[in-house]
Amino acid sequence: MSITFNLWFIDGGFPSGDSQRASLQDVDWVLHVKDQVLDAAQADARVAEFREKGLLRFDTVPLVKE
């Protein structure tokens, strides 16, 4: 499984010369539950529980060593 975030620039085009453009992507939670299918309400409820506990990060995905 792979989760990929894409950020597309629509307004402004490419900067000219050596100028840089800043971007911001704000994602507060990504939820993956192994071997279960959750509907949107169930996923929202799980994330609400984490927020209520003050959890900013809760990683249960094991590292895969190649």
PDB file of N, CA and C in Angstrom:
ATOM      1  N   MET A   1       0.847  -1.174   0.000  1.00  0.00           N
ATOM      2  CA  MET A   1       0.000   0.000   0.000  1.00  0.00           C
ATOM      3  C   MET A   1       0.889   1.232   0.000  1.00  0.00           C
ATOM      4  N   SER A   2       0.410   2.236  -0.659  1.00  0.00           N
ATOM      5  CA  SER A   2       1.145   3.491  -0.728  1.00  0.00           C
ATOM      6  C   SER A   2       0.173   4.650  -0.543  1.00  0.00           C
ATOM      7  N   ILE A   3       0.567   5.617   0.234  1.00  0.00           N
ATOM      8  CA  ILE A   3      -0.216   6.847   0.378  1.00  0.00           C
ATOM      9  C   ILE A   3       0.655   7.970  -0.170  1.00  0.00           C
ATOM     10  N   THR A   4       0.148   8.665  -1.152  1.00  0.00           N
ATOM     11  CA  THR A   4       0.898   9.728  -1.805  1.00  0.00           C
ATOM     12  C   THR A   4       0.108  11.027  -1.741  1.00  0.00           C
ATOM     13  N   PHE A   5       0.767  12.102  -1.379  1.00  0.00           N
ATOM     14  CA  PHE A   5       0.149  13.417  -1.372  1.00  0.00           C
ATOM     15  C   PHE A   5       0.692  14.209  -2.550  1.00  0.00           C
ATOM     16  N   ASN A   6      -0.173  14.804  -3.298  1.00  0.00           N
ATOM     17  CA  ASN A   6       0.227  15.642  -4.425  1.00  0.00           C
ATOM     18  C   ASN A   6      -0.198  17.074  -4.163  1.00  0.00           C
ATOM     19  N   LEU A   7       0.637  17.989  -4.566  1.00  0.00           N
ATOM     20  CA  LEU A   7       0.335  19.406  -4.436  1.00  0.00           C
ATOM     21  C   LEU A   7       0.436  20.015  -5.824  1.00  0.00           C
ATOM     22  N   TRP A   8      -0.670  20.476  -6.354  1.00  0.00           N
ATOM     23  CA  TRP A   8      -0.723  21.014  -7.710  1.00  0.00           C
ATOM     24  C   TRP A   8      -0.798  22.530  -7.650  1.00  0.00           C
ATOM     25  N   PHE A   9       0.031  23.185  -8.441  1.00  0.00           N
ATOM     26  CA  PHE A   9       0.014  24.639  -8.533  1.00  0.00           C
ATOM     27  C   PHE A   9      -0.903  25.032  -9.674  1.00  0.00           C
ATOM     28  N   ILE A  10      -1.948  25.739  -9.370  1.00  0.00           N
ATOM     29  CA  ILE A  10      -2.894  26.150 -10.403  1.00  0.00           C
ATOM     30  C   ILE A  10      -2.702  27.629 -10.725  1.00  0.00           C
ATOM     31  N   ASP A  11      -2.659  28.453  -9.704  1.00  0.00           N
ATOM     32  CA  ASP A  11      -2.513  29.894  -9.917  1.00  0.00           C
ATOM     33  C   ASP A  11      -1.041  30.289  -9.894  1.00  0.00           C
ATOM     34  N   GLY A  12      -0.677  31.235 -10.706  1.00  0.00           N
ATOM     35  CA  GLY A  12       0.654  31.810 -10.632  1.00  0.00           C
ATOM     36  C   GLY A  12       1.680  31.244 -11.580  1.00  0.00           C
ATOM     37  N   GLY A  13       1.466  30.057 -12.086  1.00  0.00           N
ATOM     38  CA  GLY A  13       2.438  29.475 -13.009  1.00  0.00           C
ATOM     39  C   GLY A  13       3.788  29.256 -12.350  1.00  0.00           C
ATOM     40  N   PHE A  14       4.810  29.111 -13.167  1.00  0.00           N
ATOM     41  CA  PHE A  14       6.160  28.915 -12.650  1.00  0.00           C
ATOM     42  C   PHE A  14       6.808  30.254 -12.366  1.00  0.00           C
ATOM     43  N   PRO A  15       7.611  30.322 -11.283  1.00  0.00           N
ATOM     44  CA  PRO A  15       8.297  31.579 -10.988  1.00  0.00           C
ATOM     45  C   PRO A  15       9.339  31.885 -12.063  1.00  0.00           C
ATOM     46  N   SER A  16       9.606  33.138 -12.253  1.00  0.00           N
ATOM     47  CA  SER A  16      10.598  33.530 -13.257  1.00  0.00           C
ATOM     48  C   SER A  16      11.976  33.634 -12.625  1.00  0.00           C
ATOM     49  N   GLY A  17      12.998  33.438 -13.433  1.00  0.00           N
ATOM     50  CA  GLY A  17      14.375  33.587 -12.958  1.00  0.00           C
ATOM     51  C   GLY A  17      14.699  32.634 -11.823  1.00  0.00           C
ATOM     52  N   ASP A  18      15.387  33.175 -10.828  1.00  0.00           N
ATOM     53  CA  ASP A  18      15.803  32.367  -9.678  1.00  0.00           C
ATOM     54  C   ASP A  18      14.840  32.473  -8.501  1.00  0.00           C
ATOM     55  N   SER A  19      13.711  33.139  -8.687  1.00  0.00           N
ATOM     56  CA  SER A  19      12.781  33.308  -7.570  1.00  0.00           C
ATOM     57  C   SER A  19      12.158  31.962  -7.196  1.00  0.00           C
ATOM     58  N   GLN A  20      11.832  31.833  -5.922  1.00  0.00           N
ATOM     59  CA  GLN A  20      11.237  30.601  -5.425  1.00  0.00           C
ATOM     60  C   GLN A  20       9.794  30.833  -5.036  1.00  0.00           C
ATOM     61  N   ARG A  21       9.016  29.793  -5.146  1.00  0.00           N
ATOM     62  CA  ARG A  21       7.617  29.873  -4.732  1.00  0.00           C
ATOM     63  C   ARG A  21       7.451  28.975  -3.509  1.00  0.00           C
ATOM     64  N   ALA A  22       6.753  29.454  -2.507  1.00  0.00           N
ATOM     65  CA  ALA A  22       6.495  28.665  -1.300  1.00  0.00           C
ATOM     66  C   ALA A  22       5.129  27.997  -1.424  1.00  0.00           C
ATOM     67  N   SER A  23       5.015  26.843  -0.815  1.00  0.00           N
ATOM     68  CA  SER A  23       3.728  26.154  -0.797  1.00  0.00           C
ATOM     69  C   SER A  23       3.504  25.575   0.587  1.00  0.00           C
ATOM     70  N   LEU A  24       2.259  25.317   0.907  1.00  0.00           N
ATOM     71  CA  LEU A  24       1.897  24.772   2.203  1.00  0.00           C
ATOM     72  C   LEU A  24       0.813  23.727   1.993  1.00  0.00           C
ATOM     73  N   GLN A  25       1.022  22.560   2.571  1.00  0.00           N
ATOM     74  CA  GLN A  25       0.010  21.514   2.544  1.00  0.00           C
ATOM     75  C   GLN A  25      -0.238  21.130   3.992  1.00  0.00           C
ATOM     76  N   ASP A  26      -1.485  21.184   4.414  1.00  0.00           N
ATOM     77  CA  ASP A  26      -1.825  20.946   5.807  1.00  0.00           C
ATOM     78  C   ASP A  26      -2.693  19.694   5.915  1.00  0.00           C
ATOM     79  N   VAL A  27      -2.133  18.645   6.481  1.00  0.00           N
ATOM     80  CA  VAL A  27      -2.850  17.388   6.698  1.00  0.00           C
ATOM     81  C   VAL A  27      -2.721  17.072   8.177  1.00  0.00           C
ATOM     82  N   ASP A  28      -3.832  17.007   8.878  1.00  0.00           N
ATOM     83  CA  ASP A  28      -3.691  16.763  10.313  1.00  0.00           C
ATOM     84  C   ASP A  28      -3.743  15.277  10.667  1.00  0.00           C
ATOM     85  N   TRP A  29      -4.423  14.456   9.899  1.00  0.00           N
ATOM     86  CA  TRP A  29      -4.451  13.022  10.192  1.00  0.00           C
ATOM     87  C   TRP A  29      -4.570  12.216   8.913  1.00  0.00           C
ATOM     88  N   VAL A  30      -3.853  11.097   8.877  1.00  0.00           N
ATOM     89  CA  VAL A  30      -4.004  10.057   7.859  1.00  0.00           C
ATOM     90  C   VAL A  30      -4.290   8.784   8.634  1.00  0.00           C
ATOM     91  N   LEU A  31      -5.383   8.131   8.305  1.00  0.00           N
ATOM     92  CA  LEU A  31      -5.788   6.944   9.050  1.00  0.00           C
ATOM     93  C   LEU A  31      -5.751   5.722   8.150  1.00  0.00           C
ATOM     94  N   HIS A  32      -5.040   4.700   8.609  1.00  0.00           N
ATOM     95  CA  HIS A  32      -5.024   3.400   7.934  1.00  0.00           C
ATOM     96  C   HIS A  32      -5.329   2.348   8.990  1.00  0.00           C
ATOM     97  N   VAL A  33      -6.330   1.519   8.731  1.00  0.00           N
ATOM     98  CA  VAL A  33      -6.685   0.459   9.662  1.00  0.00           C
ATOM     99  C   VAL A  33      -6.533  -0.862   8.924  1.00  0.00           C
ATOM    100  N   LYS A  34      -5.606  -1.676   9.371  1.00  0.00           N
ATOM    101  CA  LYS A  34      -5.296  -2.930   8.693  1.00  0.00           C
ATOM    102  C   LYS A  34      -6.482  -3.893   8.733  1.00  0.00           C
ATOM    103  N   ASP A  35      -6.761  -4.474   7.573  1.00  0.00           N
ATOM    104  CA  ASP A  35      -7.765  -5.532   7.422  1.00  0.00           C
ATOM    105  C   ASP A  35      -9.182  -5.111   7.795  1.00  0.00           C
ATOM    106  N   GLN A  36      -9.475  -3.824   7.712  1.00  0.00           N
ATOM    107  CA  GLN A  36     -10.828  -3.334   7.983  1.00  0.00           C
ATOM    108  C   GLN A  36     -11.214  -2.308   6.929  1.00  0.00           C
ATOM    109  N   VAL A  37     -12.491  -2.241   6.666  1.00  0.00           N
ATOM    110  CA  VAL A  37     -13.031  -1.200   5.796  1.00  0.00           C
ATOM    111  C   VAL A  37     -13.909  -0.315   6.664  1.00  0.00           C
ATOM    112  N   LEU A  38     -13.572   0.960   6.725  1.00  0.00           N
ATOM    113  CA  LEU A  38     -14.352   1.915   7.519  1.00  0.00           C
ATOM    114  C   LEU A  38     -15.067   2.871   6.586  1.00  0.00           C
ATOM    115  N   ASP A  39     -16.283   3.227   6.939  1.00  0.00           N
ATOM    116  CA  ASP A  39     -16.934   4.285   6.174  1.00  0.00           C
ATOM    117  C   ASP A  39     -16.433   5.628   6.717  1.00  0.00           C
ATOM    118  N   ALA A  40     -16.826   6.699   6.075  1.00  0.00           N
ATOM    119  CA  ALA A  40     -16.313   8.027   6.452  1.00  0.00           C
ATOM    120  C   ALA A  40     -16.641   8.372   7.900  1.00  0.00           C
ATOM    121  N   ALA A  41     -17.828   8.039   8.355  1.00  0.00           N
ATOM    122  CA  ALA A  41     -18.225   8.358   9.732  1.00  0.00           C
ATOM    123  C   ALA A  41     -17.374   7.594  10.739  1.00  0.00           C
ATOM    124  N   GLN A  42     -17.080   6.325  10.453  1.00  0.00           N
ATOM    125  CA  GLN A  42     -16.243   5.537  11.350  1.00  0.00           C
ATOM    126  C   GLN A  42     -14.813   6.081  11.388  1.00  0.00           C
ATOM    127  N   ALA A  43     -14.280   6.441  10.249  1.00  0.00           N
ATOM    128  CA  ALA A  43     -12.936   7.016  10.197  1.00  0.00           C
ATOM    129  C   ALA A  43     -12.896   8.339  10.951  1.00  0.00           C
ATOM    130  N   ASP A  44     -13.893   9.191  10.730  1.00  0.00           N
ATOM    131  CA  ASP A  44     -13.950  10.468  11.443  1.00  0.00           C
ATOM    132  C   ASP A  44     -14.023  10.256  12.952  1.00  0.00           C
ATOM    133  N   ALA A  45     -14.777   9.246  13.393  1.00  0.00           N
ATOM    134  CA  ALA A  45     -14.903   8.962  14.825  1.00  0.00           C
ATOM    135  C   ALA A  45     -13.569   8.522  15.406  1.00  0.00           C
ATOM    136  N   ARG A  46     -12.836   7.680  14.687  1.00  0.00           N
ATOM    137  CA  ARG A  46     -11.519   7.238  15.156  1.00  0.00           C
ATOM    138  C   ARG A  46     -10.566   8.421  15.298  1.00  0.00           C
ATOM    139  N   VAL A  47     -10.549   9.270  14.294  1.00  0.00           N
ATOM    140  CA  VAL A  47      -9.660  10.430  14.335  1.00  0.00           C
ATOM    141  C   VAL A  47     -10.081  11.377  15.456  1.00  0.00           C
ATOM    142  N   ALA A  48     -11.387  11.529  15.668  1.00  0.00           N
ATOM    143  CA  ALA A  48     -11.868  12.383  16.763  1.00  0.00           C
ATOM    144  C   ALA A  48     -11.371  11.864  18.111  1.00  0.00           C
ATOM    145  N   GLU A  49     -11.332  10.533  18.272  1.00  0.00           N
ATOM    146  CA  GLU A  49     -10.799   9.947  19.513  1.00  0.00           C
ATOM    147  C   GLU A  49      -9.332  10.311  19.709  1.00  0.00           C
ATOM    148  N   PHE A  50      -8.554  10.227  18.633  1.00  0.00           N
ATOM    149  CA  PHE A  50      -7.141  10.585  18.733  1.00  0.00           C
ATOM    150  C   PHE A  50      -6.973  12.059  19.088  1.00  0.00           C
ATOM    151  N   ARG A  51      -7.771  12.911  18.448  1.00  0.00           N
ATOM    152  CA  ARG A  51      -7.689  14.350  18.748  1.00  0.00           C
ATOM    153  C   ARG A  51      -8.045  14.628  20.203  1.00  0.00           C
ATOM    154  N   GLU A  52      -9.103  13.974  20.711  1.00  0.00           N
ATOM    155  CA  GLU A  52      -9.526  14.180  22.094  1.00  0.00           C
ATOM    156  C   GLU A  52      -8.426  13.771  23.074  1.00  0.00           C
ATOM    157  N   LYS A  53      -7.649  12.752  22.712  1.00  0.00           N
ATOM    158  CA  LYS A  53      -6.539  12.299  23.560  1.00  0.00           C
ATOM    159  C   LYS A  53      -5.301  13.176  23.402  1.00  0.00           C
ATOM    160  N   GLY A  54      -5.364  14.123  22.467  1.00  0.00           N
ATOM    161  CA  GLY A  54      -4.224  15.003  22.238  1.00  0.00           C
ATOM    162  C   GLY A  54      -3.108  14.361  21.428  1.00  0.00           C
ATOM    163  N   LEU A  55      -3.416  13.256  20.744  1.00  0.00           N
ATOM    164  CA  LEU A  55      -2.397  12.580  19.942  1.00  0.00           C
ATOM    165  C   LEU A  55      -2.146  13.344  18.649  1.00  0.00           C
ATOM    166  N   LEU A  56      -0.902  13.633  18.400  1.00  0.00           N
ATOM    167  CA  LEU A  56      -0.517  14.283  17.157  1.00  0.00           C
ATOM    168  C   LEU A  56      -0.022  13.261  16.145  1.00  0.00           C
ATOM    169  N   ARG A  57       0.413  12.119  16.652  1.00  0.00           N
ATOM    170  CA  ARG A  57       0.964  11.070  15.790  1.00  0.00           C
ATOM    171  C   ARG A  57       0.770   9.734  16.492  1.00  0.00           C
ATOM    172  N   PHE A  58       0.355   8.735  15.728  1.00  0.00           N
ATOM    173  CA  PHE A  58       0.167   7.397  16.276  1.00  0.00           C
ATOM    174  C   PHE A  58       0.440   6.437  15.131  1.00  0.00           C
ATOM    175  N   ASP A  59       1.646   5.884  15.084  1.00  0.00           N
ATOM    176  CA  ASP A  59       2.081   5.091  13.943  1.00  0.00           C
ATOM    177  C   ASP A  59       2.103   3.616  14.324  1.00  0.00           C
ATOM    178  N   THR A  60       1.274   2.818  13.654  1.00  0.00           N
ATOM    179  CA  THR A  60       1.248   1.384  13.897  1.00  0.00           C
ATOM    180  C   THR A  60       1.719   0.589  12.686  1.00  0.00           C
ATOM    181  N   VAL A  61       2.189   1.274  11.665  1.00  0.00           N
ATOM    182  CA  VAL A  61       2.650   0.594  10.451  1.00  0.00           C
ATOM    183  C   VAL A  61       4.096   0.167  10.661  1.00  0.00           C
ATOM    184  N   PRO A  62       4.362  -1.149  10.573  1.00  0.00           N
ATOM    185  CA  PRO A  62       5.741  -1.603  10.799  1.00  0.00           C
ATOM    186  C   PRO A  62       6.669  -1.170   9.673  1.00  0.00           C
ATOM    187  N   LEU A  63       7.924  -0.947  10.025  1.00  0.00           N
ATOM    188  CA  LEU A  63       8.924  -0.622   9.020  1.00  0.00           C
ATOM    189  C   LEU A  63       9.251  -1.869   8.218  1.00  0.00           C
ATOM    190  N   VAL A  64       9.390  -1.711   6.934  1.00  0.00           N
ATOM    191  CA  VAL A  64       9.738  -2.820   6.064  1.00  0.00           C
ATOM    192  C   VAL A  64      11.204  -2.674   5.693  1.00  0.00           C
ATOM    193  N   LYS A  65      11.994  -3.678   6.018  1.00  0.00           N
ATOM    194  CA  LYS A  65      13.414  -3.639   5.681  1.00  0.00           C
ATOM    195  C   LYS A  65      13.617  -4.426   4.393  1.00  0.00           C
ATOM    196  N   GLU A  66      14.287  -3.808   3.460  1.00  0.00           N
ATOM    197  CA  GLU A  66      14.530  -4.457   2.168  1.00  0.00           C
ATOM    198  C   GLU A  66      15.889  -5.074   2.133  1.00  0.00           C
TER     199      GLU A  66
END
